[in-house]
Protein backbone atom coordinates (compact mmCIF):
# COMPACT_ATOMS: atom_id res chain seq x y z
CA MET A 1 163.35 -40.03 33.50
CA LYS A 2 160.84 -37.66 31.90
CA VAL A 3 158.59 -40.60 30.91
CA ALA A 4 158.71 -41.92 34.50
CA ASN A 5 157.83 -38.53 35.94
CA ALA A 6 154.94 -38.10 33.50
CA SER A 7 153.64 -41.57 34.37
CA LYS A 8 153.84 -40.79 38.08
CA ILE A 9 151.94 -37.52 37.59
CA ASN A 10 149.20 -39.33 35.65
CA GLN A 11 148.91 -41.96 38.37
CA ASN A 12 148.56 -39.29 41.05
CA ALA A 13 145.89 -37.52 39.00
CA LEU A 14 143.91 -40.74 38.58
CA LEU A 15 144.28 -41.50 42.30
CA ARG A 16 142.92 -38.07 43.24
CA LYS A 17 140.03 -38.51 40.82
CA LYS A 18 139.11 -41.87 42.36
CA GLN A 19 139.35 -40.57 45.92
CA GLY A 20 136.91 -37.73 45.26
CA PRO A 21 136.31 -34.54 47.29
CA GLY A 22 135.02 -36.50 50.30
CA TYR A 23 138.47 -37.96 50.91
CA PHE A 24 140.14 -34.56 51.04
CA LEU A 25 137.32 -33.12 53.14
CA LYS A 26 137.81 -35.89 55.70
CA ARG A 27 141.59 -35.62 55.61
CA ASP A 28 141.80 -31.81 55.97
CA TRP A 29 138.58 -31.11 57.88
CA GLN A 30 140.37 -28.77 60.30
CA LEU A 31 141.42 -26.49 57.45
CA TYR A 32 137.93 -26.52 55.91
CA PHE A 33 136.46 -25.69 59.31
CA LEU A 34 138.74 -22.65 59.59
CA VAL A 35 137.67 -21.53 56.11
CA LEU A 36 134.04 -21.94 57.14
CA ILE A 37 134.25 -19.04 59.63
CA PRO A 38 135.20 -16.23 57.19
CA LEU A 39 133.04 -17.84 54.49
CA SER A 40 130.02 -17.67 56.80
CA PHE A 41 130.78 -14.03 57.54
CA VAL A 42 130.88 -13.19 53.82
CA ILE A 43 127.63 -15.04 53.12
CA VAL A 44 125.72 -13.52 56.05
CA PHE A 45 126.95 -9.93 55.80
CA LYS A 46 127.79 -9.61 52.09
CA TYR A 47 125.51 -11.87 50.06
CA LEU A 48 122.32 -12.23 52.10
CA PRO A 49 121.77 -8.44 52.23
CA MET A 50 121.74 -8.47 48.42
CA THR A 51 118.21 -9.86 48.60
CA GLY A 52 117.22 -6.32 49.57
CA LEU A 53 118.07 -5.19 46.02
CA VAL A 54 114.63 -6.44 45.03
CA ILE A 55 113.15 -3.17 46.32
CA ALA A 56 114.82 -1.39 43.38
CA PHE A 57 112.13 -3.06 41.25
CA LYS A 58 109.25 -2.52 43.68
CA ASP A 59 107.24 0.36 45.08
CA TYR A 60 108.63 -0.40 48.51
CA LYS A 61 106.45 0.27 51.54
CA ILE A 62 107.87 -0.47 54.98
CA ALA A 63 104.52 -1.76 56.25
CA LYS A 64 104.27 -4.28 53.40
CA GLY A 65 107.91 -5.43 53.53
CA PHE A 66 110.21 -6.62 50.75
CA TRP A 67 107.94 -9.28 49.32
CA GLY A 68 104.58 -7.61 49.95
CA SER A 69 105.34 -4.38 48.10
CA GLU A 70 104.03 -3.92 44.56
CA TRP A 71 106.32 -4.98 41.70
CA VAL A 72 106.90 -2.10 39.25
CA GLY A 73 109.80 -3.44 37.17
CA LEU A 74 112.07 -0.78 35.68
CA GLN A 75 109.77 2.10 36.53
CA ILE A 76 111.99 3.23 39.43
CA PHE A 77 115.02 3.38 37.13
CA GLN A 78 113.11 5.41 34.56
CA ASP A 79 112.07 7.74 37.37
CA ILE A 80 115.61 8.37 38.67
CA PHE A 81 117.02 8.85 35.16
CA ALA A 82 114.43 11.58 34.58
CA LYS A 83 115.22 13.41 37.84
CA PRO A 84 116.96 16.79 37.37
CA ASP A 85 119.55 15.88 40.04
CA PHE A 86 120.64 12.66 38.32
CA ALA A 87 122.75 14.09 35.46
CA PRO A 88 124.66 16.59 37.67
CA ALA A 89 125.26 13.82 40.22
CA VAL A 90 126.75 11.49 37.59
CA ARG A 91 128.84 14.34 36.16
CA ASN A 92 130.18 15.40 39.56
CA THR A 93 130.87 11.80 40.60
CA LEU A 94 132.90 11.14 37.46
CA LEU A 95 134.69 14.49 37.66
CA LEU A 96 135.71 14.19 41.31
CA ASN A 97 136.73 10.55 41.08
CA ILE A 98 138.68 10.86 37.82
CA LEU A 99 140.58 13.87 39.17
CA ASP A 100 141.08 12.03 42.44
CA LEU A 101 142.38 9.02 40.51
CA CYS A 102 144.87 11.20 38.64
CA PHE A 103 146.29 12.75 41.82
CA SER A 104 145.54 10.42 44.75
CA PHE A 105 146.58 7.35 42.76
CA THR A 106 149.82 8.71 41.34
CA MET A 107 151.11 10.52 44.45
CA PRO A 108 151.61 7.31 46.51
CA ILE A 109 153.69 5.89 43.66
CA LEU A 110 155.92 8.97 43.52
CA LEU A 111 156.18 9.09 47.30
CA ALA A 112 157.12 5.40 47.48
CA LEU A 113 159.80 5.91 44.82
CA LEU A 114 161.25 8.81 46.81
CA LEU A 115 161.15 6.97 50.13
CA ASN A 116 162.78 3.95 48.52
CA GLU A 117 165.75 6.14 47.56
CA VAL A 118 166.22 7.43 51.12
CA LYS A 119 169.24 5.73 52.69
CA SER A 120 168.68 6.78 56.31
CA ILE A 121 166.46 4.12 57.92
CA ARG A 122 165.61 6.39 60.87
CA PHE A 123 164.60 9.30 58.64
CA LYS A 124 162.52 6.98 56.46
CA ARG A 125 160.66 5.47 59.41
CA ILE A 126 159.86 8.87 60.94
CA ASN A 127 158.49 10.14 57.63
CA GLN A 128 156.47 6.99 57.02
CA THR A 129 154.88 7.27 60.47
CA LEU A 130 153.96 10.93 59.92
CA LEU A 131 152.58 10.20 56.46
CA TYR A 132 150.47 7.23 57.64
CA LEU A 133 148.74 9.14 60.47
CA PRO A 134 146.11 11.01 58.34
CA HIS A 135 144.72 7.67 57.15
CA PHE A 136 143.56 6.86 60.68
CA LEU A 137 141.63 10.12 61.11
CA SER A 138 137.92 10.10 60.33
CA TRP A 139 136.63 12.52 57.69
CA VAL A 140 134.67 14.34 60.39
CA ILE A 141 137.94 15.22 62.14
CA ILE A 142 139.67 16.03 58.84
CA GLY A 143 136.75 18.27 57.84
CA ALA A 144 136.94 20.14 61.15
CA ILE A 145 140.71 20.61 60.76
CA ALA A 146 140.22 21.79 57.17
CA TYR A 147 137.73 24.47 58.20
CA GLN A 148 139.97 25.61 61.05
CA LEU A 149 142.86 26.03 58.63
CA LEU A 150 141.19 27.08 55.38
CA SER A 151 138.00 28.97 56.22
CA GLU A 152 137.86 32.46 54.77
CA GLY A 153 136.73 34.20 57.94
CA GLY A 154 139.04 32.90 60.66
CA GLY A 155 141.19 30.19 59.09
CA VAL A 156 144.80 30.01 60.23
CA ILE A 157 146.19 30.05 56.69
CA ASN A 158 144.06 33.05 55.67
CA ASN A 159 145.16 34.87 58.83
CA LEU A 160 148.79 34.32 57.83
CA ILE A 161 148.07 35.50 54.29
CA GLU A 162 146.47 38.65 55.62
CA LEU A 163 149.39 39.31 57.99
CA MET A 164 151.76 39.12 55.01
CA GLY A 165 149.69 41.74 53.17
CA GLY A 166 147.66 39.42 50.93
CA THR A 167 143.92 39.05 50.51
CA ARG A 168 141.92 36.24 52.02
CA VAL A 169 141.28 33.26 49.74
CA PRO A 170 137.92 31.43 49.89
CA PHE A 171 139.47 27.96 49.88
CA LEU A 172 136.22 26.24 50.93
CA GLN A 173 133.68 28.96 50.15
CA GLU A 174 134.00 29.10 46.34
CA ASP A 175 133.34 26.23 43.95
CA THR A 176 136.63 26.12 42.03
CA ASN A 177 138.73 26.65 45.15
CA TRP A 178 136.64 24.04 46.96
CA LEU A 179 137.40 21.52 44.20
CA ILE A 180 141.14 22.18 44.46
CA SER A 181 141.03 21.96 48.27
CA TYR A 182 138.98 18.74 48.05
CA LEU A 183 141.62 17.10 45.86
CA ALA A 184 144.55 18.37 47.94
CA ILE A 185 143.02 17.14 51.20
CA GLY A 186 142.32 13.75 49.62
CA VAL A 187 145.94 13.41 48.49
CA TRP A 188 147.20 14.37 51.96
CA GLN A 189 144.89 11.84 53.64
CA SER A 190 145.62 8.85 51.40
CA MET A 191 149.11 9.13 49.94
CA GLY A 192 150.99 7.89 53.02
CA TRP A 193 148.89 4.77 53.44
CA GLY A 194 148.98 4.06 49.70
CA THR A 195 152.78 3.81 49.74
CA ILE A 196 152.73 0.64 51.87
CA ILE A 197 151.88 -1.70 49.00
CA TYR A 198 154.38 -0.10 46.63
CA LEU A 199 157.20 -0.17 49.20
CA ALA A 200 156.40 -3.83 49.85
CA ALA A 201 156.63 -4.52 46.12
CA MET A 202 159.94 -2.66 45.91
CA SER A 203 161.37 -4.71 48.77
CA GLY A 204 161.11 -7.80 46.56
CA ILE A 205 163.35 -6.39 43.83
CA ASN A 206 166.65 -8.26 43.49
CA PRO A 207 169.50 -5.98 44.74
CA GLU A 208 171.80 -7.52 42.15
CA MET A 209 169.87 -5.67 39.45
CA TYR A 210 170.85 -2.33 41.01
CA GLU A 211 174.44 -3.50 41.41
CA ALA A 212 174.62 -4.49 37.75
CA ALA A 213 173.14 -1.13 36.75
CA THR A 214 175.75 0.67 38.87
CA VAL A 215 178.52 -1.26 37.13
CA ASP A 216 177.07 -0.21 33.78
CA GLY A 217 177.21 3.42 34.89
CA ALA A 218 173.51 4.04 35.48
CA GLY A 219 172.61 6.94 37.78
CA ARG A 220 169.96 6.94 40.51
CA TRP A 221 167.09 8.16 38.33
CA ARG A 222 168.03 5.75 35.53
CA LYS A 223 167.80 2.89 38.03
CA VAL A 224 164.39 4.09 39.18
CA TRP A 225 163.07 4.33 35.62
CA ASN A 226 164.58 1.10 34.26
CA ILE A 227 164.47 -1.18 37.31
CA THR A 228 162.12 0.03 40.07
CA VAL A 229 159.17 1.19 37.96
CA PRO A 230 159.07 -1.93 35.70
CA SER A 231 159.34 -4.16 38.78
CA ILE A 232 156.23 -2.66 40.40
CA ARG A 233 154.26 -2.27 37.16
CA ALA A 234 152.09 -5.32 37.89
CA THR A 235 151.19 -3.88 41.30
CA ILE A 236 150.34 -0.50 39.74
CA VAL A 237 148.09 -2.11 37.12
CA THR A 238 146.28 -4.26 39.70
CA LEU A 239 145.56 -1.29 41.98
CA LEU A 240 144.57 0.85 39.00
CA ILE A 241 141.98 -1.73 37.93
CA MET A 242 140.60 -1.90 41.46
CA ASN A 243 140.42 1.90 41.70
CA LEU A 244 138.64 2.18 38.36
CA GLY A 245 135.80 0.21 39.90
CA LYS A 246 135.35 3.06 42.39
CA VAL A 247 135.05 5.80 39.76
CA MET A 248 131.25 5.75 40.10
CA GLU A 249 131.33 5.56 43.90
CA GLY A 250 133.28 8.29 45.62
CA SER A 251 133.44 9.01 49.33
CA PHE A 252 130.21 10.21 50.90
CA GLU A 253 131.95 11.01 54.20
CA ARG A 254 134.58 13.15 52.49
CA ILE A 255 132.06 15.29 50.61
CA PHE A 256 129.69 15.46 53.56
CA ALA A 257 132.48 16.68 55.86
CA LEU A 258 133.74 19.36 53.46
CA GLN A 259 130.50 20.62 51.90
CA ASN A 260 128.78 23.87 52.82
CA LYS A 261 125.94 26.04 51.54
CA ALA A 262 128.29 28.35 49.63
CA THR A 263 129.62 25.54 47.40
CA THR A 264 126.96 23.46 45.68
CA GLU A 265 128.40 23.04 42.18
CA TYR A 266 130.36 19.83 42.83
CA THR A 267 128.91 18.49 46.09
CA THR A 268 125.92 16.65 44.58
CA THR A 269 127.27 13.17 43.77
CA ILE A 270 125.68 9.73 43.54
CA PRO A 271 126.47 8.73 47.19
CA VAL A 272 125.07 12.07 48.40
CA LEU A 273 121.98 11.58 46.26
CA VAL A 274 121.49 8.08 47.69
CA TYR A 275 121.66 9.59 51.18
CA ARG A 276 119.17 12.33 50.34
CA TRP A 277 116.67 10.02 48.67
CA GLY A 278 117.03 7.11 51.06
CA ILE A 279 117.73 8.54 54.52
CA GLU A 280 116.36 12.08 54.32
CA SER A 281 113.34 11.49 52.05
CA GLY A 282 112.64 7.87 52.96
CA ASN A 283 112.34 6.78 49.31
CA PHE A 284 114.23 3.51 49.70
CA SER A 285 113.29 2.12 46.28
CA ARG A 286 114.78 5.10 44.47
CA ALA A 287 117.94 5.09 46.61
CA THR A 288 118.43 1.34 46.10
CA ALA A 289 117.93 1.64 42.35
CA LEU A 290 120.52 4.41 42.16
CA GLY A 291 122.97 2.39 44.25
CA LEU A 292 122.44 -0.66 42.03
CA PHE A 293 123.04 1.44 38.91
CA GLN A 294 126.26 2.72 40.48
CA SER A 295 127.47 -0.80 41.32
CA VAL A 296 126.71 -2.19 37.85
CA ILE A 297 128.70 0.60 36.19
CA GLY A 298 131.57 -0.10 38.60
CA ILE A 299 131.61 -3.80 37.69
CA ILE A 300 131.60 -2.95 33.97
CA LEU A 301 134.56 -0.60 34.46
CA VAL A 302 136.54 -3.23 36.37
CA ILE A 303 135.94 -5.94 33.75
CA THR A 304 136.78 -3.55 30.90
CA ALA A 305 139.97 -2.36 32.56
CA ASP A 306 140.99 -5.95 33.33
CA ARG A 307 140.57 -7.02 29.70
CA VAL A 308 142.49 -3.99 28.44
CA ALA A 309 145.32 -4.79 30.88
CA LYS A 310 145.46 -8.41 29.68
CA LYS A 311 145.61 -7.29 26.05
CA LEU A 312 148.56 -5.06 26.97
CA GLY A 313 150.37 -8.07 28.42
CA GLU A 314 149.58 -7.70 32.11
CA ASP A 315 148.10 -10.42 34.32
CA GLY A 316 144.97 -8.53 35.40
CA ILE A 317 142.92 -9.54 38.45
CA LEU A 318 140.14 -11.72 36.99
């Protein structure tokens, strides 16, 4: 039987090889046509704009265009590396994103584990809806809400603190407090939406595993640690690898909405610097070079994290 099956598989492989790709293209042309639509979108809006990266190696002048501007090689990169704002921007970008990764990445996991243990379907759905809502608010709105609640002069929270006999806290008007508020607001905005993937992964866990653990006398937290967490480990690793690629990026909108003149220690990041050099100063070559540097570091981090994950026995994403 095994010999017959192997022979049949070999015959099918040879048949497919003889037929060639043209046969399958003709047979399934409707499916290939459907794929052509999103593929065209990706090529036009994702890959073709990459030709603009050439200005990172040119002294770009709008009047001369991409191809008419003078080629200067790596001179632009040497220029941005020597700028006094470059080192603080890299430091702040790494600091904010690593701290954000520690809190904003882990909180959705903990929240999903807690929601998964809730037995009341109605209570779970109400909480999920309330937790998802901040994700749909723009950072402009979130920034306005944050200043209404946390500002030192007339913020609601500071007014309550003063009424209770305390002193006003400069949540957004002092560098260290601004950093803590920045991280807390980021966790509040993202943790509800981040639980969706983990709850979906938990829904695929075989209920018989929990039943067997109950028979063996395992408590609720022992089930979480020995069944739930190992079952979603692959999902956690995949999302961690993807988030590591964003360590050099950060959210421009988030910083721009929460920054102010009183807090300048942590608000200069690479996306902010790209905005200042490119939009405000009109130096598109310098802004493009900085953005390219940021993207290359992100790719290196993703590849490195993927290889480390594979060496630890995980599947990775590449």
